[in-house]
Amino acid sequence: DMNDLLAVADYAKCTAIHPGYGFLAENYRFARRVVKRERSLVFIGPSWEAIRDLGNKLTMKRIALEAGVPVIPGTIEPIYSDVEAEMKAEELLEELKAQGIENTSFLVKAVAGGGGMGIEEVRDLAEIRPVFRRIRAYAKRLFGDEGVIIEAKIPAFQHIEVQILGTRNGEYVHFGTRNCTIQSLYKQKRIEVAPGFDYEGNIADYKFDPREVEEKIIQYSLKLARYVNYDSVGTFEWLVTPEGKFYLMEVNTRIQVENEISAQISFVNGKRVNLIKEQIRTALGDKLGYSQPDVVFKGYALEFRLIAEDVKRGFQAVSGTITRFDWVDHPWLTVRTHVPRNEKYEIPTQFDPNLALAIIYAEDFSELMKRCERFLSEVVIEGFTSQGEPLPTNLDYLREKLKFLYQFLPS
């Protein structure tokens, strides 16, 4: 609750507010209120204008096109009626056929959505109207904005993120890329790895030069960041096709939970970067103190999201009680969790059932895979659902999908 947060900040005489990872981090109205109220505070995040413009998928697409940044083919104005939605889908289909793209489906998206929410696939034009009405109602209820867009669905891709840091002193650096292709049915990430490309061809067989494509999407991301005077940590998310084409999908105007794998492989003056520390420090006015040539990349880092969910039932979130949660500590392993080890824990129903983030580092890819497999063999999550059945988790899913790192998967 915005009012409660600001009341607590005033009571404690805070001078700054960090909005965390959630909805408030991408709520430009909250960011604007923080900095424009009578007792103004520092908002530890990008300017409210940047959140407003880049957090809205449609506005972001228009600005990106103005800046010469490639985006996914689709509508660039909000759609509010099902008749218009059908007409725009027909026009987009003809446009894609003219480009030689056949058998394409569509994604109907809430303009203000994010994190895989407010998106539904349509394979037949006859489905456009009912799906549009469903997404519009969902978007109005959840985001307060019933605008909808329609985009082409890229049939096979890798989901690549570029980690950017801009400052209020006009400095810009990047911390490489992440690959987030392994996701649930609802486009929510389950495994992330940095760097985003398999340069050495350990398991990937690219038809293009991965370093060349990576450099292009990094430079396009920096170009857009400078174009809008972006002044915080941000993630620029891209789809890369098997042919090496790339499209900007969205910009997350906040720190993301997977930021730590970028930090694990990024070194400045021989020390690992702490992206949250850098975000706070620069928001309070500090100069960066280094430039891009000072950032050295070394090794690989991977993050598993450990979640109480029933993968066989469409990744359905489950509630219940964890009776045992434990793992073996290693110098190369970091586990971020709110769940106690070897104590009972009630999984709440009102929050995301994400139990933990497991971050694994290695200096080479082969060792990374061995360490990931070892962690998955050692971690234990036991418990029961609210119906008294054994508690399902996504551990088996993570074990199965690990071998698909850096692969082009059907969307």
Protein backbone atom coordinates (compact mmCIF):
# COMPACT_ATOMS: atom_id res chain seq x y z
CA ASP A 1 0.00 0.00 0.00
CA MET A 2 1.56 3.27 -1.15
CA ASN A 3 0.07 5.32 1.67
CA ASP A 4 1.31 2.92 4.34
CA LEU A 5 4.81 2.78 2.87
CA LEU A 6 5.13 6.54 2.71
CA ALA A 7 3.70 6.92 6.23
CA VAL A 8 6.33 4.49 7.54
CA ALA A 9 9.04 6.33 5.59
CA ASP A 10 7.99 9.63 7.18
CA TYR A 11 7.78 8.13 10.66
CA ALA A 12 11.28 6.66 10.31
CA LYS A 13 12.59 9.87 8.70
CA CYS A 14 13.77 7.95 5.64
CA THR A 15 15.46 9.87 2.86
CA ALA A 16 15.06 7.24 0.12
CA ILE A 17 12.80 4.35 -0.89
CA HIS A 18 13.81 1.16 -2.70
CA PRO A 19 10.69 -0.37 -4.31
CA GLY A 20 12.03 -3.94 -4.44
CA TYR A 21 11.34 -6.39 -7.27
CA GLY A 22 7.55 -6.20 -7.46
CA PHE A 23 4.71 -4.14 -8.89
CA LEU A 24 5.65 -0.89 -7.14
CA ALA A 25 9.07 -0.97 -8.79
CA GLU A 26 7.36 -0.48 -12.17
CA ASN A 27 4.57 1.83 -11.00
CA TYR A 28 5.45 5.26 -12.36
CA ARG A 29 2.71 6.89 -10.30
CA PHE A 30 4.38 5.65 -7.11
CA ALA A 31 7.81 6.81 -8.30
CA ARG A 32 6.39 10.22 -9.24
CA ARG A 33 4.65 10.55 -5.90
CA VAL A 34 7.86 9.69 -4.00
CA VAL A 35 9.85 12.47 -5.66
CA LYS A 36 7.12 15.12 -6.01
CA ARG A 37 5.45 15.02 -2.59
CA GLU A 38 5.96 17.87 -0.12
CA ARG A 39 8.50 15.80 1.81
CA SER A 40 10.23 14.38 -1.27
CA LEU A 41 12.36 11.24 -1.11
CA VAL A 42 14.93 9.68 -3.41
CA PHE A 43 13.36 6.94 -5.51
CA ILE A 44 15.95 4.18 -5.94
CA GLY A 45 15.10 3.32 -9.49
CA PRO A 46 14.79 5.07 -12.83
CA SER A 47 12.97 8.37 -13.27
CA TRP A 48 9.20 8.11 -13.19
CA GLU A 49 9.15 9.30 -16.81
CA ALA A 50 11.36 6.39 -17.89
CA ILE A 51 9.17 3.92 -15.99
CA ARG A 52 6.07 5.39 -17.63
CA ASP A 53 7.49 5.33 -21.15
CA LEU A 54 9.40 2.04 -21.14
CA GLY A 55 7.11 0.12 -18.78
CA ASN A 56 4.24 0.52 -21.23
CA LYS A 57 4.89 -1.94 -24.05
CA LEU A 58 3.25 0.23 -26.67
CA THR A 59 5.01 3.44 -25.77
CA MET A 60 8.28 1.51 -25.54
CA LYS A 61 7.79 0.16 -29.07
CA ARG A 62 7.09 3.62 -30.47
CA ILE A 63 10.13 5.12 -28.74
CA ALA A 64 12.34 2.21 -29.81
CA LEU A 65 11.27 2.63 -33.43
CA GLU A 66 12.00 6.37 -33.18
CA ALA A 67 15.48 5.50 -31.90
CA GLY A 68 16.04 2.95 -34.70
CA VAL A 69 15.85 -0.11 -32.44
CA PRO A 70 14.22 -3.25 -33.95
CA VAL A 71 11.06 -4.48 -32.23
CA ILE A 72 8.70 -7.45 -32.65
CA PRO A 73 6.26 -6.91 -35.56
CA GLY A 74 2.85 -5.91 -34.25
CA THR A 75 0.50 -3.07 -33.43
CA ILE A 76 1.90 0.22 -32.15
CA GLU A 77 -1.36 1.73 -30.89
CA PRO A 78 -3.57 0.39 -28.05
CA ILE A 79 -6.60 -1.60 -29.14
CA TYR A 80 -9.84 -1.28 -27.19
CA SER A 81 -12.44 -3.11 -29.30
CA ASP A 82 -12.64 -6.70 -30.45
CA VAL A 83 -13.63 -5.62 -33.99
CA GLU A 84 -10.48 -3.53 -34.29
CA ALA A 85 -8.42 -6.38 -32.81
CA GLU A 86 -9.61 -8.75 -35.54
CA MET A 87 -8.90 -6.20 -38.26
CA LYS A 88 -5.37 -5.46 -36.95
CA ALA A 89 -4.61 -9.19 -36.70
CA GLU A 90 -5.61 -9.67 -40.36
CA GLU A 91 -3.36 -6.75 -41.39
CA LEU A 92 -0.45 -8.14 -39.38
CA LEU A 93 -0.90 -11.57 -40.96
CA GLU A 94 -0.64 -10.07 -44.44
CA GLU A 95 2.45 -8.08 -43.42
CA LEU A 96 4.17 -11.20 -42.11
CA LYS A 97 3.35 -13.20 -45.25
CA ALA A 98 4.90 -10.40 -47.33
CA GLN A 99 8.09 -10.86 -45.27
CA GLY A 100 8.09 -14.60 -45.98
CA ILE A 101 6.98 -15.54 -42.46
CA GLU A 102 4.37 -18.32 -42.64
CA ASN A 103 2.33 -20.28 -40.09
CA THR A 104 2.55 -17.51 -37.54
CA SER A 105 0.40 -17.29 -34.46
CA PHE A 106 -0.28 -14.14 -32.46
CA LEU A 107 0.26 -12.99 -28.92
CA VAL A 108 -2.49 -10.86 -27.41
CA LYS A 109 -0.87 -8.81 -24.65
CA ALA A 110 -1.96 -6.36 -21.99
CA VAL A 111 -0.15 -3.09 -22.70
CA ALA A 112 0.71 -2.66 -19.02
CA GLY A 113 1.47 -6.33 -18.34
CA GLY A 114 4.77 -7.90 -17.37
CA GLY A 115 6.38 -10.99 -15.86
CA GLY A 116 4.46 -13.29 -18.21
CA MET A 117 1.08 -12.00 -17.02
CA GLY A 118 -1.66 -10.75 -19.34
CA ILE A 119 -0.49 -12.70 -22.42
CA GLU A 120 -2.35 -15.31 -24.44
CA GLU A 121 -1.52 -17.03 -27.72
CA VAL A 122 -3.97 -17.14 -30.64
CA ARG A 123 -3.43 -19.60 -33.50
CA ASP A 124 -6.63 -18.92 -35.44
CA LEU A 125 -8.10 -15.55 -36.42
CA ALA A 126 -11.48 -16.83 -35.26
CA GLU A 127 -10.15 -16.83 -31.68
CA ILE A 128 -8.98 -13.21 -31.70
CA ARG A 129 -12.20 -11.62 -30.43
CA PRO A 130 -12.88 -13.82 -27.37
CA VAL A 131 -9.20 -13.84 -26.36
CA PHE A 132 -9.01 -10.07 -26.76
CA ARG A 133 -12.04 -9.58 -24.51
CA ARG A 134 -10.54 -11.89 -21.88
CA ILE A 135 -7.15 -10.12 -21.85
CA ARG A 136 -8.77 -6.68 -21.82
CA ALA A 137 -10.85 -7.56 -18.74
CA TYR A 138 -7.80 -9.11 -17.01
CA ALA A 139 -5.66 -6.05 -17.77
CA LYS A 140 -8.26 -3.63 -16.45
CA ARG A 141 -8.66 -5.62 -13.25
CA LEU A 142 -4.97 -6.21 -12.57
CA PHE A 143 -3.21 -3.20 -14.07
CA GLY A 144 -5.92 -0.55 -14.30
CA ASP A 145 -5.26 -0.18 -18.04
CA GLU A 146 -7.39 -2.12 -20.51
CA GLY A 147 -5.23 -1.33 -23.55
CA VAL A 148 -4.19 -4.41 -25.57
CA ILE A 149 -1.64 -5.01 -28.33
CA ILE A 150 -1.21 -7.82 -30.84
CA GLU A 151 2.23 -9.11 -31.83
CA ALA A 152 3.59 -11.82 -34.06
CA LYS A 153 4.75 -14.87 -32.15
CA ILE A 154 8.31 -15.74 -33.08
CA PRO A 155 8.13 -19.53 -33.74
CA ALA A 156 11.57 -20.40 -32.28
CA PHE A 157 13.87 -18.19 -30.27
CA GLN A 158 16.23 -17.65 -27.42
CA HIS A 159 15.21 -15.10 -24.79
CA ILE A 160 18.22 -12.87 -24.11
CA GLU A 161 18.46 -10.12 -21.50
CA VAL A 162 20.92 -7.23 -21.53
CA GLN A 163 21.76 -5.83 -18.09
CA ILE A 164 22.20 -2.05 -18.21
CA LEU A 165 23.16 0.53 -15.59
CA GLY A 166 22.65 4.23 -16.27
CA THR A 167 23.33 7.01 -13.76
CA ARG A 168 22.00 10.48 -13.10
CA ASN A 169 25.41 11.74 -14.19
CA GLY A 170 24.88 10.43 -17.73
CA GLU A 171 27.14 7.38 -17.40
CA TYR A 172 26.23 4.06 -19.03
CA VAL A 173 27.67 0.56 -18.71
CA HIS A 174 26.42 -2.93 -19.34
CA PHE A 175 27.02 -6.14 -17.42
CA GLY A 176 26.66 -8.54 -20.32
CA THR A 177 23.76 -10.80 -21.20
CA ARG A 178 21.63 -13.56 -19.68
CA ASN A 179 19.77 -16.40 -21.35
CA CYS A 180 16.27 -16.91 -19.94
CA THR A 181 14.82 -19.22 -22.57
CA ILE A 182 13.73 -22.00 -20.20
CA GLN A 183 10.34 -20.83 -18.93
CA SER A 184 6.98 -22.11 -17.77
CA LEU A 185 3.95 -22.34 -20.04
CA TYR A 186 3.09 -18.80 -18.98
CA LYS A 187 6.46 -17.26 -19.94
CA GLN A 188 7.77 -17.13 -16.39
CA LYS A 189 11.47 -17.87 -16.07
CA ARG A 190 12.72 -21.03 -14.40
CA ILE A 191 16.43 -21.25 -15.36
CA GLU A 192 18.70 -18.32 -16.27
CA VAL A 193 22.34 -18.45 -17.29
CA ALA A 194 25.00 -15.80 -17.90
CA PRO A 195 26.50 -15.07 -20.34
CA GLY A 196 23.51 -15.26 -22.66
CA PHE A 197 25.36 -16.97 -25.52
CA ASP A 198 27.40 -20.17 -25.73
CA TYR A 199 30.44 -18.57 -27.38
CA GLU A 200 32.54 -21.74 -27.29
CA GLY A 201 29.88 -23.99 -28.83
CA ASN A 202 29.71 -26.27 -25.79
CA ILE A 203 26.15 -27.35 -26.59
CA ALA A 204 24.83 -24.70 -29.03
CA ASP A 205 25.07 -24.90 -32.83
CA TYR A 206 24.53 -21.35 -34.06
CA LYS A 207 23.96 -20.37 -37.69
CA PHE A 208 25.36 -16.92 -36.86
CA ASP A 209 28.25 -15.37 -34.96
CA PRO A 210 26.96 -15.20 -31.35
CA ARG A 211 29.46 -12.52 -30.31
CA GLU A 212 28.40 -10.30 -33.21
CA VAL A 213 24.68 -10.64 -32.41
CA GLU A 214 25.35 -10.09 -28.71
CA GLU A 215 27.33 -6.92 -29.39
CA LYS A 216 24.53 -5.58 -31.61
CA ILE A 217 21.77 -6.10 -29.04
CA ILE A 218 23.96 -4.62 -26.31
CA GLN A 219 24.63 -1.53 -28.38
CA TYR A 220 20.94 -1.18 -29.32
CA SER A 221 20.04 -1.47 -25.62
CA LEU A 222 22.52 1.25 -24.69
CA LYS A 223 21.26 3.39 -27.55
CA LEU A 224 17.68 3.22 -26.26
CA ALA A 225 18.82 3.80 -22.66
CA ARG A 226 20.62 6.98 -23.71
CA TYR A 227 17.68 8.06 -25.89
CA VAL A 228 15.36 8.14 -22.86
CA ASN A 229 18.01 9.25 -20.31
CA TYR A 230 17.62 6.00 -18.39
CA ASP A 231 19.23 6.44 -14.99
CA SER A 232 19.20 3.18 -13.03
CA VAL A 233 19.52 -0.58 -13.37
CA GLY A 234 17.36 -1.98 -16.15
CA THR A 235 16.90 -5.10 -18.24
CA PHE A 236 16.41 -4.91 -21.99
CA GLU A 237 14.81 -8.15 -23.17
CA TRP A 238 15.35 -9.54 -26.67
CA LEU A 239 14.20 -12.47 -28.79
CA VAL A 240 16.91 -13.93 -31.02
CA THR A 241 15.91 -16.30 -33.84
CA PRO A 242 17.88 -19.32 -35.17
CA GLU A 243 18.82 -17.17 -38.18
CA GLY A 244 20.34 -14.49 -35.97
CA LYS A 245 17.54 -11.94 -36.30
CA PHE A 246 16.72 -10.08 -33.10
CA TYR A 247 13.82 -8.06 -31.75
CA LEU A 248 13.46 -6.00 -28.59
CA MET A 249 10.53 -7.47 -26.65
CA GLU A 250 10.31 -5.27 -23.55
CA VAL A 251 12.22 -3.28 -20.96
CA ASN A 252 12.02 -4.13 -17.26
CA THR A 253 12.55 -0.85 -15.44
CA ARG A 254 13.66 -2.43 -12.16
CA ILE A 255 16.21 -4.72 -10.61
CA GLN A 256 15.31 -8.33 -11.39
CA VAL A 257 15.75 -11.38 -9.20
CA GLU A 258 18.17 -12.85 -11.74
CA ASN A 259 20.50 -9.84 -11.49
CA GLU A 260 22.93 -11.82 -9.36
CA ILE A 261 24.07 -14.13 -12.16
CA SER A 262 25.18 -11.05 -14.13
CA ALA A 263 26.96 -9.78 -11.03
CA GLN A 264 28.67 -13.15 -10.52
CA ILE A 265 30.47 -12.95 -13.88
CA SER A 266 31.19 -9.18 -13.82
CA PHE A 267 34.37 -7.86 -12.21
CA VAL A 268 35.61 -4.29 -11.69
CA ASN A 269 39.14 -3.87 -10.37
CA GLY A 270 39.21 -7.57 -9.57
CA LYS A 271 36.03 -7.49 -7.46
CA ARG A 272 32.58 -8.82 -8.26
CA VAL A 273 29.94 -6.21 -8.92
CA ASN A 274 26.93 -5.92 -6.59
CA LEU A 275 24.18 -4.53 -8.81
CA ILE A 276 21.82 -3.61 -5.99
CA LYS A 277 24.62 -1.74 -4.25
CA GLU A 278 25.43 0.04 -7.52
CA GLN A 279 21.76 0.92 -7.99
CA ILE A 280 21.49 2.42 -4.51
CA ARG A 281 24.84 4.19 -4.66
CA THR A 282 24.22 5.90 -7.99
CA ALA A 283 20.61 6.79 -7.07
CA LEU A 284 22.00 8.73 -4.10
CA GLY A 285 24.17 10.75 -6.47
CA ASP A 286 27.51 8.92 -6.55
CA LYS A 287 29.41 8.83 -9.81
CA LEU A 288 30.01 5.38 -11.21
CA GLY A 289 33.78 5.58 -10.81
CA TYR A 290 34.52 3.26 -13.74
CA SER A 291 33.64 2.83 -17.41
CA GLN A 292 32.93 -0.08 -19.75
CA PRO A 293 36.57 -1.09 -20.36
CA ASP A 294 36.95 -1.58 -16.59
CA VAL A 295 34.23 -4.27 -16.57
CA VAL A 296 35.79 -7.70 -17.08
CA PHE A 297 33.66 -10.82 -17.64
CA LYS A 298 34.79 -14.18 -16.32
CA GLY A 299 33.10 -17.55 -15.99
CA TYR A 300 29.49 -18.73 -16.04
CA ALA A 301 26.66 -18.33 -13.55
CA LEU A 302 23.27 -20.04 -13.49
CA GLU A 303 20.14 -19.50 -11.42
CA PHE A 304 17.47 -22.07 -10.60
CA ARG A 305 14.09 -20.87 -9.35
CA LEU A 306 12.82 -23.39 -6.83
CA ILE A 307 9.04 -23.20 -6.79
CA ALA A 308 6.15 -25.00 -5.13
CA GLU A 309 4.21 -25.81 -8.28
CA ASP A 310 2.65 -28.78 -10.02
CA VAL A 311 4.40 -28.84 -13.39
CA LYS A 312 2.19 -31.67 -14.68
CA ARG A 313 -0.88 -29.54 -14.07
CA GLY A 314 0.27 -26.55 -16.07
CA PHE A 315 2.69 -25.16 -13.46
CA GLN A 316 -0.18 -24.70 -11.03
CA ALA A 317 0.97 -22.96 -7.84
CA VAL A 318 0.42 -25.04 -4.71
CA SER A 319 0.06 -24.20 -1.04
CA GLY A 320 0.82 -26.35 1.94
CA THR A 321 3.57 -27.01 4.47
CA ILE A 322 7.28 -27.57 3.93
CA THR A 323 8.59 -29.98 6.56
CA ARG A 324 12.17 -30.08 5.31
CA PHE A 325 14.16 -27.76 3.05
CA ASP A 326 17.90 -28.31 2.95
CA TRP A 327 20.96 -28.39 0.71
CA VAL A 328 24.71 -28.90 0.97
CA ASP A 329 26.73 -25.70 1.24
CA HIS A 330 29.51 -25.12 -1.30
CA PRO A 331 31.78 -22.11 -1.99
CA TRP A 332 30.33 -21.89 -5.51
CA LEU A 333 26.69 -21.93 -4.36
CA THR A 334 24.50 -19.07 -3.13
CA VAL A 335 20.92 -19.74 -2.02
CA ARG A 336 18.56 -16.79 -1.53
CA THR A 337 15.48 -17.87 0.40
CA HIS A 338 12.99 -16.84 3.05
CA VAL A 339 12.25 -20.49 3.87
CA PRO A 340 14.00 -21.82 7.00
CA ARG A 341 16.18 -24.91 6.76
CA ASN A 342 14.86 -27.95 8.66
CA GLU A 343 11.89 -26.08 10.14
CA LYS A 344 8.26 -26.19 9.16
CA TYR A 345 7.13 -23.44 6.81
CA GLU A 346 3.59 -22.63 5.69
CA ILE A 347 3.49 -21.63 2.02
CA PRO A 348 1.26 -18.53 1.83
CA THR A 349 -1.53 -18.40 -0.72
CA GLN A 350 -1.39 -14.63 -1.31
CA PHE A 351 2.16 -14.53 -2.69
CA ASP A 352 4.19 -16.09 -5.49
CA PRO A 353 5.22 -19.60 -4.31
CA ASN A 354 8.86 -18.96 -5.27
CA LEU A 355 10.73 -20.72 -2.47
CA ALA A 356 14.35 -19.94 -3.31
CA LEU A 357 16.88 -18.82 -5.88
CA ALA A 358 19.94 -21.05 -6.24
CA ILE A 359 22.90 -19.33 -7.90
CA ILE A 360 25.81 -21.46 -9.10
CA TYR A 361 29.16 -20.18 -10.44
CA ALA A 362 31.99 -21.90 -12.34
CA GLU A 363 34.88 -20.68 -14.42
CA ASP A 364 34.06 -22.99 -17.35
CA PHE A 365 30.86 -24.44 -18.75
CA SER A 366 31.66 -28.08 -18.12
CA GLU A 367 32.24 -27.41 -14.44
CA LEU A 368 29.06 -25.34 -14.29
CA MET A 369 27.01 -28.30 -15.52
CA LYS A 370 28.63 -30.66 -12.99
CA ARG A 371 27.91 -28.25 -10.14
CA CYS A 372 24.31 -27.71 -11.27
CA GLU A 373 23.69 -31.44 -11.41
CA ARG A 374 25.30 -31.88 -8.02
CA PHE A 375 23.13 -29.18 -6.44
CA LEU A 376 19.95 -30.70 -7.89
CA SER A 377 20.94 -34.10 -6.55
CA GLU A 378 21.59 -32.73 -3.06
CA VAL A 379 18.74 -30.25 -2.49
CA VAL A 380 15.75 -31.60 -0.54
CA ILE A 381 12.24 -30.14 -0.43
CA GLU A 382 9.68 -32.22 1.45
CA GLY A 383 6.20 -31.47 2.70
CA PHE A 384 2.51 -31.82 2.00
CA THR A 385 -0.20 -29.80 0.30
CA SER A 386 -3.21 -28.29 2.02
CA GLN A 387 -5.07 -31.45 0.89
CA GLY A 388 -2.53 -33.66 2.66
CA GLU A 389 -0.82 -34.94 -0.50
CA PRO A 390 2.96 -34.96 -1.07
CA LEU A 391 4.12 -31.45 -1.95
CA PRO A 392 4.99 -31.08 -5.65
CA THR A 393 7.91 -28.86 -6.68
CA ASN A 394 9.66 -28.08 -9.95
CA LEU A 395 12.92 -29.89 -9.07
CA ASP A 396 12.35 -32.71 -11.57
CA TYR A 397 11.49 -30.14 -14.23
CA LEU A 398 14.76 -28.29 -13.57
CA ARG A 399 16.73 -31.54 -13.81
CA GLU A 400 15.04 -32.38 -17.11
CA LYS A 401 15.42 -28.93 -18.69
CA LEU A 402 19.04 -28.27 -17.72
CA LYS A 403 20.24 -29.99 -20.91
CA PHE A 404 18.30 -27.48 -23.04
CA LEU A 405 20.46 -24.49 -22.08
CA TYR A 406 21.36 -22.30 -25.06
CA GLN A 407 18.94 -24.18 -27.33
CA PHE A 408 16.38 -22.61 -29.66
CA LEU A 409 13.08 -23.77 -28.29
CA PRO A 410 9.67 -23.56 -29.99
CA SER A 411 7.70 -20.69 -28.50
